[in-house]
Amino acid sequence: MTLGSDFAGGHDLDSALGEANGLRALADSIIRRLTTTMGELEDHPAYGFSLTSLIGTTLVESFVRQQIIAQIFEEEEVEDATIVITALDGSLNIQIVVFAPDGEFPLTINVSALGVETIIPADL
């Protein structure tokens, strides 16, 4: 399976409406899913799980992991994924490795009261 293309940008679309291809497009799609509040998209009520909504809550890690996995696997190109969640001083560090037909790649997402920081390998 060859991965397609999408608008560039993770939680903020590229203002020039650039295009991302392959694994980069998949990474951007996953980040958008994890930074969109469920129900925010009227035509897709099950789309999204806002990681920022977790700050200040006492949600169980297994629930958070389940929600993240569910969103990742909504992307049809995803074959498998691993997740490590670490809570540090009121913030979350989420390490994800995504396996797709065209290869694998890591994503790092840091969530705090200040917002979401995503780290995607430059070579995607």
PDB file of N, CA and C in Angstrom:
ATOM      1  N   MET A   1       0.856  -1.173   0.000  1.00  0.00           N
ATOM      2  CA  MET A   1       0.000   0.000   0.000  1.00  0.00           C
ATOM      3  C   MET A   1       0.902   1.236   0.000  1.00  0.00           C
ATOM      4  N   THR A   2       0.616   2.160  -0.881  1.00  0.00           N
ATOM      5  CA  THR A   2       1.358   3.412  -0.911  1.00  0.00           C
ATOM      6  C   THR A   2       0.536   4.474  -0.212  1.00  0.00           C
ATOM      7  N   LEU A   3       1.204   5.185   0.681  1.00  0.00           N
ATOM      8  CA  LEU A   3       0.509   6.234   1.424  1.00  0.00           C
ATOM      9  C   LEU A   3       0.257   7.423   0.522  1.00  0.00           C
ATOM     10  N   GLY A   4      -0.846   8.111   0.743  1.00  0.00           N
ATOM     11  CA  GLY A   4      -1.233   9.242  -0.079  1.00  0.00           C
ATOM     12  C   GLY A   4      -0.663  10.549   0.417  1.00  0.00           C
ATOM     13  N   SER A   5      -1.383  11.623   0.158  1.00  0.00           N
ATOM     14  CA  SER A   5      -0.944  12.950   0.576  1.00  0.00           C
ATOM     15  C   SER A   5      -2.097  13.647   1.288  1.00  0.00           C
ATOM     16  N   ASP A   6      -1.751  14.735   1.981  1.00  0.00           N
ATOM     17  CA  ASP A   6      -2.724  15.491   2.759  1.00  0.00           C
ATOM     18  C   ASP A   6      -2.160  16.892   2.916  1.00  0.00           C
ATOM     19  N   PHE A   7      -2.978  17.798   3.465  1.00  0.00           N
ATOM     20  CA  PHE A   7      -2.461  19.114   3.778  1.00  0.00           C
ATOM     21  C   PHE A   7      -1.382  18.977   4.838  1.00  0.00           C
ATOM     22  N   ALA A   8      -0.340  19.775   4.742  1.00  0.00           N
ATOM     23  CA  ALA A   8       0.767  19.719   5.693  1.00  0.00           C
ATOM     24  C   ALA A   8       0.361  20.359   7.011  1.00  0.00           C
ATOM     25  N   GLY A   9       0.965  19.888   8.078  1.00  0.00           N
ATOM     26  CA  GLY A   9       0.737  20.456   9.404  1.00  0.00           C
ATOM     27  C   GLY A   9       0.049  19.466  10.315  1.00  0.00           C
ATOM     28  N   GLY A  10       0.470  19.482  11.571  1.00  0.00           N
ATOM     29  CA  GLY A  10      -0.123  18.592  12.562  1.00  0.00           C
ATOM     30  C   GLY A  10      -1.344  19.223  13.177  1.00  0.00           C
ATOM     31  N   HIS A  11      -1.185  19.854  14.346  1.00  0.00           N
ATOM     32  CA  HIS A  11      -2.343  20.459  14.991  1.00  0.00           C
ATOM     33  C   HIS A  11      -2.668  21.828  14.422  1.00  0.00           C
ATOM     34  N   ASP A  12      -1.772  22.417  13.649  1.00  0.00           N
ATOM     35  CA  ASP A  12      -2.038  23.652  12.915  1.00  0.00           C
ATOM     36  C   ASP A  12      -1.704  23.392  11.457  1.00  0.00           C
ATOM     37  N   LEU A  13      -2.694  23.549  10.593  1.00  0.00           N
ATOM     38  CA  LEU A  13      -2.423  23.331   9.179  1.00  0.00           C
ATOM     39  C   LEU A  13      -1.461  24.386   8.665  1.00  0.00           C
ATOM     40  N   ASP A  14      -0.652  23.996   7.701  1.00  0.00           N
ATOM     41  CA  ASP A  14       0.283  24.896   7.050  1.00  0.00           C
ATOM     42  C   ASP A  14      -0.511  26.041   6.422  1.00  0.00           C
ATOM     43  N   SER A  15      -0.198  27.286   6.793  1.00  0.00           N
ATOM     44  CA  SER A  15      -0.968  28.438   6.310  1.00  0.00           C
ATOM     45  C   SER A  15      -0.888  28.597   4.802  1.00  0.00           C
ATOM     46  N   ALA A  16       0.144  28.064   4.182  1.00  0.00           N
ATOM     47  CA  ALA A  16       0.266  28.143   2.732  1.00  0.00           C
ATOM     48  C   ALA A  16      -0.449  26.962   2.060  1.00  0.00           C
ATOM     49  N   LEU A  17      -1.124  26.132   2.882  1.00  0.00           N
ATOM     50  CA  LEU A  17      -1.811  24.939   2.394  1.00  0.00           C
ATOM     51  C   LEU A  17      -0.875  24.047   1.590  1.00  0.00           C
ATOM     52  N   GLY A  18       0.342  23.897   2.113  1.00  0.00           N
ATOM     53  CA  GLY A  18       1.303  22.984   1.509  1.00  0.00           C
ATOM     54  C   GLY A  18       0.811  21.556   1.625  1.00  0.00           C
ATOM     55  N   GLU A  19       1.503  20.669   0.963  1.00  0.00           N
ATOM     56  CA  GLU A  19       1.083  19.276   0.937  1.00  0.00           C
ATOM     57  C   GLU A  19       2.154  18.406   1.568  1.00  0.00           C
ATOM     58  N   ALA A  20       1.725  17.428   2.332  1.00  0.00           N
ATOM     59  CA  ALA A  20       2.625  16.434   2.903  1.00  0.00           C
ATOM     60  C   ALA A  20       2.304  15.096   2.248  1.00  0.00           C
ATOM     61  N   ASN A  21       3.312  14.278   2.084  1.00  0.00           N
ATOM     62  CA  ASN A  21       3.139  12.988   1.432  1.00  0.00           C
ATOM     63  C   ASN A  21       3.630  11.853   2.315  1.00  0.00           C
ATOM     64  N   GLY A  22       3.163  10.657   2.015  1.00  0.00           N
ATOM     65  CA  GLY A  22       3.674   9.451   2.640  1.00  0.00           C
ATOM     66  C   GLY A  22       3.581   9.442   4.147  1.00  0.00           C
ATOM     67  N   LEU A  23       4.676   9.056   4.781  1.00  0.00           N
ATOM     68  CA  LEU A  23       4.703   8.932   6.232  1.00  0.00           C
ATOM     69  C   LEU A  23       4.495  10.271   6.920  1.00  0.00           C
ATOM     70  N   ARG A  24       4.954  11.363   6.324  1.00  0.00           N
ATOM     71  CA  ARG A  24       4.747  12.684   6.934  1.00  0.00           C
ATOM     72  C   ARG A  24       3.256  13.020   6.971  1.00  0.00           C
ATOM     73  N   ALA A  25       2.530  12.703   5.921  1.00  0.00           N
ATOM     74  CA  ALA A  25       1.084  12.952   5.895  1.00  0.00           C
ATOM     75  C   ALA A  25       0.392  12.121   6.970  1.00  0.00           C
ATOM     76  N   LEU A  26       0.845  10.886   7.151  1.00  0.00           N
ATOM     77  CA  LEU A  26       0.263  10.025   8.180  1.00  0.00           C
ATOM     78  C   LEU A  26       0.560  10.585   9.568  1.00  0.00           C
ATOM     79  N   ALA A  27       1.791  11.021   9.795  1.00  0.00           N
ATOM     80  CA  ALA A  27       2.152  11.616  11.091  1.00  0.00           C
ATOM     81  C   ALA A  27       1.291  12.837  11.376  1.00  0.00           C
ATOM     82  N   ASP A  28       1.131  13.712  10.395  1.00  0.00           N
ATOM     83  CA  ASP A  28       0.299  14.905  10.566  1.00  0.00           C
ATOM     84  C   ASP A  28      -1.147  14.536  10.880  1.00  0.00           C
ATOM     85  N   SER A  29      -1.671  13.517  10.203  1.00  0.00           N
ATOM     86  CA  SER A  29      -3.051  13.083  10.437  1.00  0.00           C
ATOM     87  C   SER A  29      -3.245  12.572  11.858  1.00  0.00           C
ATOM     88  N   ILE A  30      -2.270  11.823  12.346  1.00  0.00           N
ATOM     89  CA  ILE A  30      -2.355  11.306  13.715  1.00  0.00           C
ATOM     90  C   ILE A  30      -2.318  12.451  14.719  1.00  0.00           C
ATOM     91  N   ILE A  31      -1.447  13.401  14.508  1.00  0.00           N
ATOM     92  CA  ILE A  31      -1.363  14.547  15.425  1.00  0.00           C
ATOM     93  C   ILE A  31      -2.667  15.335  15.425  1.00  0.00           C
ATOM     94  N   ARG A  32      -3.260  15.539  14.251  1.00  0.00           N
ATOM     95  CA  ARG A  32      -4.546  16.241  14.205  1.00  0.00           C
ATOM     96  C   ARG A  32      -5.605  15.492  14.996  1.00  0.00           C
ATOM     97  N   ARG A  33      -5.609  14.166  14.895  1.00  0.00           N
ATOM     98  CA  ARG A  33      -6.577  13.368  15.657  1.00  0.00           C
ATOM     99  C   ARG A  33      -6.376  13.542  17.161  1.00  0.00           C
ATOM    100  N   LEU A  34      -5.128  13.661  17.593  1.00  0.00           N
ATOM    101  CA  LEU A  34      -4.823  13.723  19.022  1.00  0.00           C
ATOM    102  C   LEU A  34      -4.851  15.145  19.581  1.00  0.00           C
ATOM    103  N   THR A  35      -5.188  16.100  18.753  1.00  0.00           N
ATOM    104  CA  THR A  35      -5.301  17.486  19.223  1.00  0.00           C
ATOM    105  C   THR A  35      -6.665  18.081  18.898  1.00  0.00           C
ATOM    106  N   THR A  36      -7.575  17.247  18.421  1.00  0.00           N
ATOM    107  CA  THR A  36      -8.942  17.678  18.114  1.00  0.00           C
ATOM    108  C   THR A  36      -9.875  17.079  19.165  1.00  0.00           C
ATOM    109  N   THR A  37     -10.727  17.892  19.729  1.00  0.00           N
ATOM    110  CA  THR A  37     -11.680  17.414  20.724  1.00  0.00           C
ATOM    111  C   THR A  37     -12.731  16.532  20.061  1.00  0.00           C
ATOM    112  N   MET A  38     -12.981  15.371  20.662  1.00  0.00           N
ATOM    113  CA  MET A  38     -13.994  14.469  20.115  1.00  0.00           C
ATOM    114  C   MET A  38     -15.329  15.211  20.036  1.00  0.00           C
ATOM    115  N   GLY A  39     -15.979  15.103  18.891  1.00  0.00           N
ATOM    116  CA  GLY A  39     -17.256  15.773  18.676  1.00  0.00           C
ATOM    117  C   GLY A  39     -17.120  17.147  18.049  1.00  0.00           C
ATOM    118  N   GLU A  40     -15.898  17.641  17.934  1.00  0.00           N
ATOM    119  CA  GLU A  40     -15.669  18.970  17.359  1.00  0.00           C
ATOM    120  C   GLU A  40     -16.033  19.016  15.876  1.00  0.00           C
ATOM    121  N   LEU A  41     -15.834  17.905  15.185  1.00  0.00           N
ATOM    122  CA  LEU A  41     -16.186  17.838  13.773  1.00  0.00           C
ATOM    123  C   LEU A  41     -17.589  17.253  13.657  1.00  0.00           C
ATOM    124  N   GLU A  42     -18.536  18.097  13.286  1.00  0.00           N
ATOM    125  CA  GLU A  42     -19.945  17.714  13.276  1.00  0.00           C
ATOM    126  C   GLU A  42     -20.224  16.467  12.450  1.00  0.00           C
ATOM    127  N   ASP A  43     -19.565  16.335  11.302  1.00  0.00           N
ATOM    128  CA  ASP A  43     -19.806  15.189  10.427  1.00  0.00           C
ATOM    129  C   ASP A  43     -19.063  13.926  10.866  1.00  0.00           C
ATOM    130  N   HIS A  44     -18.171  14.057  11.843  1.00  0.00           N
ATOM    131  CA  HIS A  44     -17.375  12.924  12.318  1.00  0.00           C
ATOM    132  C   HIS A  44     -17.323  12.958  13.843  1.00  0.00           C
ATOM    133  N   PRO A  45     -18.403  12.599  14.515  1.00  0.00           N
ATOM    134  CA  PRO A  45     -18.491  12.755  15.970  1.00  0.00           C
ATOM    135  C   PRO A  45     -17.493  11.917  16.770  1.00  0.00           C
ATOM    136  N   ALA A  46     -16.955  10.833  16.199  1.00  0.00           N
ATOM    137  CA  ALA A  46     -16.000   9.993  16.928  1.00  0.00           C
ATOM    138  C   ALA A  46     -14.549  10.364  16.619  1.00  0.00           C
ATOM    139  N   TYR A  47     -14.348  11.403  15.807  1.00  0.00           N
ATOM    140  CA  TYR A  47     -12.993  11.822  15.429  1.00  0.00           C
ATOM    141  C   TYR A  47     -12.386  12.645  16.561  1.00  0.00           C
ATOM    142  N   GLY A  48     -11.192  12.272  16.970  1.00  0.00           N
ATOM    143  CA  GLY A  48     -10.416  13.096  17.879  1.00  0.00           C
ATOM    144  C   GLY A  48     -10.402  12.655  19.325  1.00  0.00           C
ATOM    145  N   PHE A  49      -9.319  13.047  19.980  1.00  0.00           N
ATOM    146  CA  PHE A  49      -9.144  12.873  21.417  1.00  0.00           C
ATOM    147  C   PHE A  49      -8.168  13.950  21.841  1.00  0.00           C
ATOM    148  N   SER A  50      -8.667  15.011  22.440  1.00  0.00           N
ATOM    149  CA  SER A  50      -7.838  16.169  22.771  1.00  0.00           C
ATOM    150  C   SER A  50      -6.921  15.871  23.949  1.00  0.00           C
ATOM    151  N   LEU A  51      -5.644  15.736  23.657  1.00  0.00           N
ATOM    152  CA  LEU A  51      -4.672  15.470  24.717  1.00  0.00           C
ATOM    153  C   LEU A  51      -4.602  16.607  25.731  1.00  0.00           C
ATOM    154  N   THR A  52      -4.857  17.835  25.297  1.00  0.00           N
ATOM    155  CA  THR A  52      -4.790  18.961  26.233  1.00  0.00           C
ATOM    156  C   THR A  52      -5.873  18.873  27.298  1.00  0.00           C
ATOM    157  N   SER A  53      -6.950  18.164  27.014  1.00  0.00           N
ATOM    158  CA  SER A  53      -8.010  18.020  28.013  1.00  0.00           C
ATOM    159  C   SER A  53      -7.579  17.137  29.185  1.00  0.00           C
ATOM    160  N   LEU A  54      -6.458  16.456  29.055  1.00  0.00           N
ATOM    161  CA  LEU A  54      -5.976  15.566  30.111  1.00  0.00           C
ATOM    162  C   LEU A  54      -5.268  16.305  31.241  1.00  0.00           C
ATOM    163  N   ILE A  55      -4.758  17.491  30.952  1.00  0.00           N
ATOM    164  CA  ILE A  55      -3.990  18.228  31.952  1.00  0.00           C
ATOM    165  C   ILE A  55      -4.898  18.601  33.124  1.00  0.00           C
ATOM    166  N   GLY A  56      -4.441  18.262  34.326  1.00  0.00           N
ATOM    167  CA  GLY A  56      -5.199  18.566  35.531  1.00  0.00           C
ATOM    168  C   GLY A  56      -6.225  17.520  35.893  1.00  0.00           C
ATOM    169  N   THR A  57      -6.278  16.430  35.137  1.00  0.00           N
ATOM    170  CA  THR A  57      -7.231  15.364  35.437  1.00  0.00           C
ATOM    171  C   THR A  57      -6.519  14.200  36.114  1.00  0.00           C
ATOM    172  N   THR A  58      -7.289  13.271  36.583  1.00  0.00           N
ATOM    173  CA  THR A  58      -6.730  12.075  37.216  1.00  0.00           C
ATOM    174  C   THR A  58      -7.140  10.829  36.431  1.00  0.00           C
ATOM    175  N   LEU A  59      -7.169  10.938  35.121  1.00  0.00           N
ATOM    176  CA  LEU A  59      -7.547   9.793  34.295  1.00  0.00           C
ATOM    177  C   LEU A  59      -6.510   8.682  34.417  1.00  0.00           C
ATOM    178  N   VAL A  60      -6.989   7.484  34.351  1.00  0.00           N
ATOM    179  CA  VAL A  60      -6.127   6.306  34.435  1.00  0.00           C
ATOM    180  C   VAL A  60      -5.348   6.159  33.128  1.00  0.00           C
ATOM    181  N   GLU A  61      -4.055   5.824  33.261  1.00  0.00           N
ATOM    182  CA  GLU A  61      -3.194   5.705  32.088  1.00  0.00           C
ATOM    183  C   GLU A  61      -3.737   4.714  31.064  1.00  0.00           C
ATOM    184  N   SER A  62      -4.327   3.614  31.514  1.00  0.00           N
ATOM    185  CA  SER A  62      -4.849   2.623  30.571  1.00  0.00           C
ATOM    186  C   SER A  62      -5.974   3.211  29.706  1.00  0.00           C
ATOM    187  N   PHE A  63      -6.801   4.099  30.286  1.00  0.00           N
ATOM    188  CA  PHE A  63      -7.863   4.755  29.518  1.00  0.00           C
ATOM    189  C   PHE A  63      -7.248   5.680  28.464  1.00  0.00           C
ATOM    190  N   VAL A  64      -6.252   6.458  28.866  1.00  0.00           N
ATOM    191  CA  VAL A  64      -5.592   7.386  27.941  1.00  0.00           C
ATOM    192  C   VAL A  64      -4.942   6.601  26.805  1.00  0.00           C
ATOM    193  N   ARG A  65      -4.233   5.540  27.145  1.00  0.00           N
ATOM    194  CA  ARG A  65      -3.586   4.695  26.134  1.00  0.00           C
ATOM    195  C   ARG A  65      -4.629   4.144  25.159  1.00  0.00           C
ATOM    196  N   GLN A  66      -5.740   3.661  25.681  1.00  0.00           N
ATOM    197  CA  GLN A  66      -6.804   3.097  24.852  1.00  0.00           C
ATOM    198  C   GLN A  66      -7.351   4.147  23.880  1.00  0.00           C
ATOM    199  N   GLN A  67      -7.562   5.360  24.354  1.00  0.00           N
ATOM    200  CA  GLN A  67      -8.093   6.426  23.496  1.00  0.00           C
ATOM    201  C   GLN A  67      -7.096   6.804  22.399  1.00  0.00           C
ATOM    202  N   ILE A  68      -5.825   6.883  22.757  1.00  0.00           N
ATOM    203  CA  ILE A  68      -4.796   7.221  21.770  1.00  0.00           C
ATOM    204  C   ILE A  68      -4.709   6.129  20.713  1.00  0.00           C
ATOM    205  N   ILE A  69      -4.650   4.880  21.155  1.00  0.00           N
ATOM    206  CA  ILE A  69      -4.578   3.745  20.215  1.00  0.00           C
ATOM    207  C   ILE A  69      -5.791   3.742  19.291  1.00  0.00           C
ATOM    208  N   ALA A  70      -6.974   3.974  19.840  1.00  0.00           N
ATOM    209  CA  ALA A  70      -8.191   3.972  19.024  1.00  0.00           C
ATOM    210  C   ALA A  70      -8.101   5.017  17.920  1.00  0.00           C
ATOM    211  N   GLN A  71      -7.600   6.206  18.240  1.00  0.00           N
ATOM    212  CA  GLN A  71      -7.482   7.259  17.224  1.00  0.00           C
ATOM    213  C   GLN A  71      -6.412   6.924  16.190  1.00  0.00           C
ATOM    214  N   ILE A  72      -5.292   6.390  16.640  1.00  0.00           N
ATOM    215  CA  ILE A  72      -4.213   6.046  15.712  1.00  0.00           C
ATOM    216  C   ILE A  72      -4.696   4.995  14.700  1.00  0.00           C
ATOM    217  N   PHE A  73      -5.410   3.988  15.186  1.00  0.00           N
ATOM    218  CA  PHE A  73      -5.852   2.914  14.293  1.00  0.00           C
ATOM    219  C   PHE A  73      -7.028   3.317  13.410  1.00  0.00           C
ATOM    220  N   GLU A  74      -7.594   4.484  13.612  1.00  0.00           N
ATOM    221  CA  GLU A  74      -8.593   5.005  12.679  1.00  0.00           C
ATOM    222  C   GLU A  74      -7.942   5.386  11.353  1.00  0.00           C
ATOM    223  N   GLU A  75      -6.633   5.612  11.373  1.00  0.00           N
ATOM    224  CA  GLU A  75      -5.903   5.873  10.126  1.00  0.00           C
ATOM    225  C   GLU A  75      -5.649   4.523   9.467  1.00  0.00           C
ATOM    226  N   GLU A  76      -6.259   4.288   8.311  1.00  0.00           N
ATOM    227  CA  GLU A  76      -6.235   2.961   7.697  1.00  0.00           C
ATOM    228  C   GLU A  76      -4.838   2.467   7.330  1.00  0.00           C
ATOM    229  N   GLU A  77      -3.879   3.375   7.201  1.00  0.00           N
ATOM    230  CA  GLU A  77      -2.525   2.964   6.831  1.00  0.00           C
ATOM    231  C   GLU A  77      -1.748   2.372   7.997  1.00  0.00           C
ATOM    232  N   VAL A  78      -2.221   2.564   9.219  1.00  0.00           N
ATOM    233  CA  VAL A  78      -1.497   2.095  10.397  1.00  0.00           C
ATOM    234  C   VAL A  78      -1.660   0.583  10.537  1.00  0.00           C
ATOM    235  N   GLU A  79      -0.519  -0.106  10.597  1.00  0.00           N
ATOM    236  CA  GLU A  79      -0.536  -1.557  10.806  1.00  0.00           C
ATOM    237  C   GLU A  79      -0.381  -1.902  12.285  1.00  0.00           C
ATOM    238  N   ASP A  80       0.430  -1.118  13.004  1.00  0.00           N
ATOM    239  CA  ASP A  80       0.670  -1.351  14.420  1.00  0.00           C
ATOM    240  C   ASP A  80       1.233  -0.067  15.020  1.00  0.00           C
ATOM    241  N   ALA A  81       1.234  -0.001  16.340  1.00  0.00           N
ATOM    242  CA  ALA A  81       1.797   1.159  17.029  1.00  0.00           C
ATOM    243  C   ALA A  81       2.148   0.758  18.456  1.00  0.00           C
ATOM    244  N   THR A  82       3.192   1.383  18.980  1.00  0.00           N
ATOM    245  CA  THR A  82       3.539   1.215  20.388  1.00  0.00           C
ATOM    246  C   THR A  82       3.476   2.585  21.047  1.00  0.00           C
ATOM    247  N   ILE A  83       3.111   2.594  22.317  1.00  0.00           N
ATOM    248  CA  ILE A  83       2.965   3.864  23.041  1.00  0.00           C
ATOM    249  C   ILE A  83       3.577   3.722  24.422  1.00  0.00           C
ATOM    250  N   VAL A  84       4.337   4.744  24.810  1.00  0.00           N
ATOM    251  CA  VAL A  84       4.840   4.859  26.177  1.00  0.00           C
ATOM    252  C   VAL A  84       4.393   6.228  26.684  1.00  0.00           C
ATOM    253  N   ILE A  85       3.671   6.249  27.799  1.00  0.00           N
ATOM    254  CA  ILE A  85       3.169   7.487  28.389  1.00  0.00           C
ATOM    255  C   ILE A  85       3.880   7.714  29.712  1.00  0.00           C
ATOM    256  N   THR A  86       4.441   8.907  29.872  1.00  0.00           N
ATOM    257  CA  THR A  86       5.113   9.267  31.114  1.00  0.00           C
ATOM    258  C   THR A  86       4.520  10.574  31.628  1.00  0.00           C
ATOM    259  N   ALA A  87       4.067  10.563  32.865  1.00  0.00           N
ATOM    260  CA  ALA A  87       3.541  11.778  33.502  1.00  0.00           C
ATOM    261  C   ALA A  87       4.672  12.410  34.307  1.00  0.00           C
ATOM    262  N   LEU A  88       4.928  13.691  34.059  1.00  0.00           N
ATOM    263  CA  LEU A  88       5.998  14.418  34.741  1.00  0.00           C
ATOM    264  C   LEU A  88       5.509  15.791  35.175  1.00  0.00           C
ATOM    265  N   ASP A  89       5.456  16.049  36.458  1.00  0.00           N
ATOM    266  CA  ASP A  89       5.145  17.385  36.984  1.00  0.00           C
ATOM    267  C   ASP A  89       3.977  18.066  36.276  1.00  0.00           C
ATOM    268  N   GLY A  90       2.845  17.396  36.175  1.00  0.00           N
ATOM    269  CA  GLY A  90       1.663  18.001  35.576  1.00  0.00           C
ATOM    270  C   GLY A  90       1.666  18.019  34.062  1.00  0.00           C
ATOM    271  N   SER A  91       2.612  17.330  33.445  1.00  0.00           N
ATOM    272  CA  SER A  91       2.633  17.252  31.989  1.00  0.00           C
ATOM    273  C   SER A  91       2.722  15.792  31.566  1.00  0.00           C
ATOM    274  N   LEU A  92       2.468  15.547  30.313  1.00  0.00           N
ATOM    275  CA  LEU A  92       2.552  14.194  29.768  1.00  0.00           C
ATOM    276  C   LEU A  92       3.562  14.162  28.636  1.00  0.00           C
ATOM    277  N   ASN A  93       4.351  13.113  28.603  1.00  0.00           N
ATOM    278  CA  ASN A  93       5.239  12.851  27.486  1.00  0.00           C
ATOM    279  C   ASN A  93       4.740  11.547  26.871  1.00  0.00           C
ATOM    280  N   ILE A  94       4.410  11.600  25.598  1.00  0.00           N
ATOM    281  CA  ILE A  94       3.868  10.431  24.907  1.00  0.00           C
ATOM    282  C   ILE A  94       4.814  10.085  23.765  1.00  0.00           C
ATOM    283  N   GLN A  95       5.376   8.903  23.837  1.00  0.00           N
ATOM    284  CA  GLN A  95       6.271   8.391  22.796  1.00  0.00           C
ATOM    285  C   GLN A  95       5.497   7.349  22.002  1.00  0.00           C
ATOM    286  N   ILE A  96       5.380   7.575  20.710  1.00  0.00           N
ATOM    287  CA  ILE A  96       4.632   6.674  19.837  1.00  0.00           C
ATOM    288  C   ILE A  96       5.552   6.215  18.714  1.00  0.00           C
ATOM    289  N   VAL A  97       5.510   4.940  18.398  1.00  0.00           N
ATOM    290  CA  VAL A  97       6.151   4.434  17.185  1.00  0.00           C
ATOM    291  C   VAL A  97       5.032   3.851  16.337  1.00  0.00           C
ATOM    292  N   VAL A  98       4.918   4.361  15.110  1.00  0.00           N
ATOM    293  CA  VAL A  98       3.864   3.947  14.195  1.00  0.00           C
ATOM    294  C   VAL A  98       4.480   3.064  13.114  1.00  0.00           C
ATOM    295  N   PHE A  99       3.825   1.941  12.849  1.00  0.00           N
ATOM    296  CA  PHE A  99       4.254   1.017  11.811  1.00  0.00           C
ATOM    297  C   PHE A  99       3.229   1.058  10.686  1.00  0.00           C
ATOM    298  N   ALA A 100       3.705   1.351   9.468  1.00  0.00           N
ATOM    299  CA  ALA A 100       2.848   1.455   8.292  1.00  0.00           C
ATOM    300  C   ALA A 100       3.499   0.669   7.158  1.00  0.00           C
ATOM    301  N   PRO A 101       2.763   0.411   6.092  1.00  0.00           N
ATOM    302  CA  PRO A 101       3.333  -0.359   4.976  1.00  0.00           C
ATOM    303  C   PRO A 101       4.609   0.263   4.398  1.00  0.00           C
ATOM    304  N   ASP A 102       4.706   1.576   4.413  1.00  0.00           N
ATOM    305  CA  ASP A 102       5.868   2.253   3.828  1.00  0.00           C
ATOM    306  C   ASP A 102       7.003   2.448   4.818  1.00  0.00           C
ATOM    307  N   GLY A 103       6.855   1.963   6.044  1.00  0.00           N
ATOM    308  CA  GLY A 103       7.928   2.100   7.027  1.00  0.00           C
ATOM    309  C   GLY A 103       7.378   2.409   8.405  1.00  0.00           C
ATOM    310  N   GLU A 104       8.288   2.742   9.296  1.00  0.00           N
ATOM    311  CA  GLU A 104       7.900   3.091  10.659  1.00  0.00           C
ATOM    312  C   GLU A 104       8.510   4.441  11.014  1.00  0.00           C
ATOM    313  N   PHE A 105       7.905   5.095  11.992  1.00  0.00           N
ATOM    314  CA  PHE A 105       8.431   6.384  12.427  1.00  0.00           C
ATOM    315  C   PHE A 105       8.011   6.658  13.856  1.00  0.00           C
ATOM    316  N   PRO A 106       8.832   7.439  14.576  1.00  0.00           N
ATOM    317  CA  PRO A 106       8.481   7.826  15.938  1.00  0.00           C
ATOM    318  C   PRO A 106       7.781   9.182  15.948  1.00  0.00           C
ATOM    319  N   LEU A 107       6.910   9.358  16.910  1.00  0.00           N
ATOM    320  CA  LEU A 107       6.295  10.655  17.203  1.00  0.00           C
ATOM    321  C   LEU A 107       6.482  10.892  18.696  1.00  0.00           C
ATOM    322  N   THR A 108       6.815  12.103  19.059  1.00  0.00           N
ATOM    323  CA  THR A 108       6.862  12.477  20.469  1.00  0.00           C
ATOM    324  C   THR A 108       5.892  13.624  20.656  1.00  0.00           C
ATOM    325  N   ILE A 109       5.038  13.496  21.661  1.00  0.00           N
ATOM    326  CA  ILE A 109       4.066  14.543  21.948  1.00  0.00           C
ATOM    327  C   ILE A 109       4.205  14.903  23.420  1.00  0.00           C
ATOM    328  N   ASN A 110       4.479  16.175  23.680  1.00  0.00           N
ATOM    329  CA  ASN A 110       4.545  16.688  25.044  1.00  0.00           C
ATOM    330  C   ASN A 110       3.323  17.560  25.273  1.00  0.00           C
ATOM    331  N   VAL A 111       2.582  17.248  26.329  1.00  0.00           N
ATOM    332  CA  VAL A 111       1.348  17.965  26.628  1.00  0.00           C
ATOM    333  C   VAL A 111       1.481  18.590  28.008  1.00  0.00           C
ATOM    334  N   SER A 112       1.232  19.899  28.077  1.00  0.00           N
ATOM    335  CA  SER A 112       1.267  20.599  29.364  1.00  0.00           C
ATOM    336  C   SER A 112       0.203  21.689  29.346  1.00  0.00           C
ATOM    337  N   ALA A 113       0.103  22.417  30.450  1.00  0.00           N
ATOM    338  CA  ALA A 113      -0.850  23.520  30.531  1.00  0.00           C
ATOM    339  C   ALA A 113      -0.536  24.591  29.483  1.00  0.00           C
ATOM    340  N   LEU A 114       0.683  24.597  28.979  1.00  0.00           N
ATOM    341  CA  LEU A 114       1.073  25.564  27.955  1.00  0.00           C
ATOM    342  C   LEU A 114       0.653  25.156  26.551  1.00  0.00           C
ATOM    343  N   GLY A 115       0.260  23.892  26.391  1.00  0.00           N
ATOM    344  CA  GLY A 115      -0.179  23.435  25.082  1.00  0.00           C
ATOM    345  C   GLY A 115       0.459  22.118  24.689  1.00  0.00           C
ATOM    346  N   VAL A 116       0.501  21.878  23.394  1.00  0.00           N
ATOM    347  CA  VAL A 116       1.012  20.629  22.840  1.00  0.00           C
ATOM    348  C   VAL A 116       2.238  20.930  21.994  1.00  0.00           C
ATOM    349  N   GLU A 117       3.297  20.172  22.245  1.00  0.00           N
ATOM    350  CA  GLU A 117       4.497  20.251  21.423  1.00  0.00           C
ATOM    351  C   GLU A 117       4.670  18.890  20.768  1.00  0.00           C
ATOM    352  N   THR A 118       4.825  18.880  19.445  1.00  0.00           N
ATOM    353  CA  THR A 118       5.020  17.624  18.733  1.00  0.00           C
ATOM    354  C   THR A 118       6.403  17.600  18.109  1.00  0.00           C
ATOM    355  N   ILE A 119       7.000  16.428  18.148  1.00  0.00           N
ATOM    356  CA  ILE A 119       8.310  16.255  17.540  1.00  0.00           C
ATOM    357  C   ILE A 119       8.182  15.140  16.511  1.00  0.00           C
ATOM    358  N   ILE A 120       8.386  15.523  15.270  1.00  0.00           N
ATOM    359  CA  ILE A 120       8.315  14.592  14.142  1.00  0.00           C
ATOM    360  C   ILE A 120       9.700  14.593  13.504  1.00  0.00           C
ATOM    361  N   PRO A 121      10.240  13.430  13.172  1.00  0.00           N
ATOM    362  CA  PRO A 121      11.552  13.403  12.533  1.00  0.00           C
ATOM    363  C   PRO A 121      11.589  14.265  11.281  1.00  0.00           C
ATOM    364  N   ALA A 122      12.653  15.013  11.131  1.00  0.00           N
ATOM    365  CA  ALA A 122      12.788  15.937   9.999  1.00  0.00           C
ATOM    366  C   ALA A 122      12.820  15.215   8.657  1.00  0.00           C
ATOM    367  N   ASP A 123      13.221  13.962   8.662  1.00  0.00           N
ATOM    368  CA  ASP A 123      13.362  13.250   7.387  1.00  0.00           C
ATOM    369  C   ASP A 123      12.073  12.564   6.918  1.00  0.00           C
ATOM    370  N   LEU A 124      10.963  12.844   7.575  1.00  0.00           N
ATOM    371  CA  LEU A 124       9.694  12.270   7.109  1.00  0.00           C
ATOM    372  C   LEU A 124       9.128  13.114   5.994  1.00  0.00           C
TER     373      LEU A 124
END
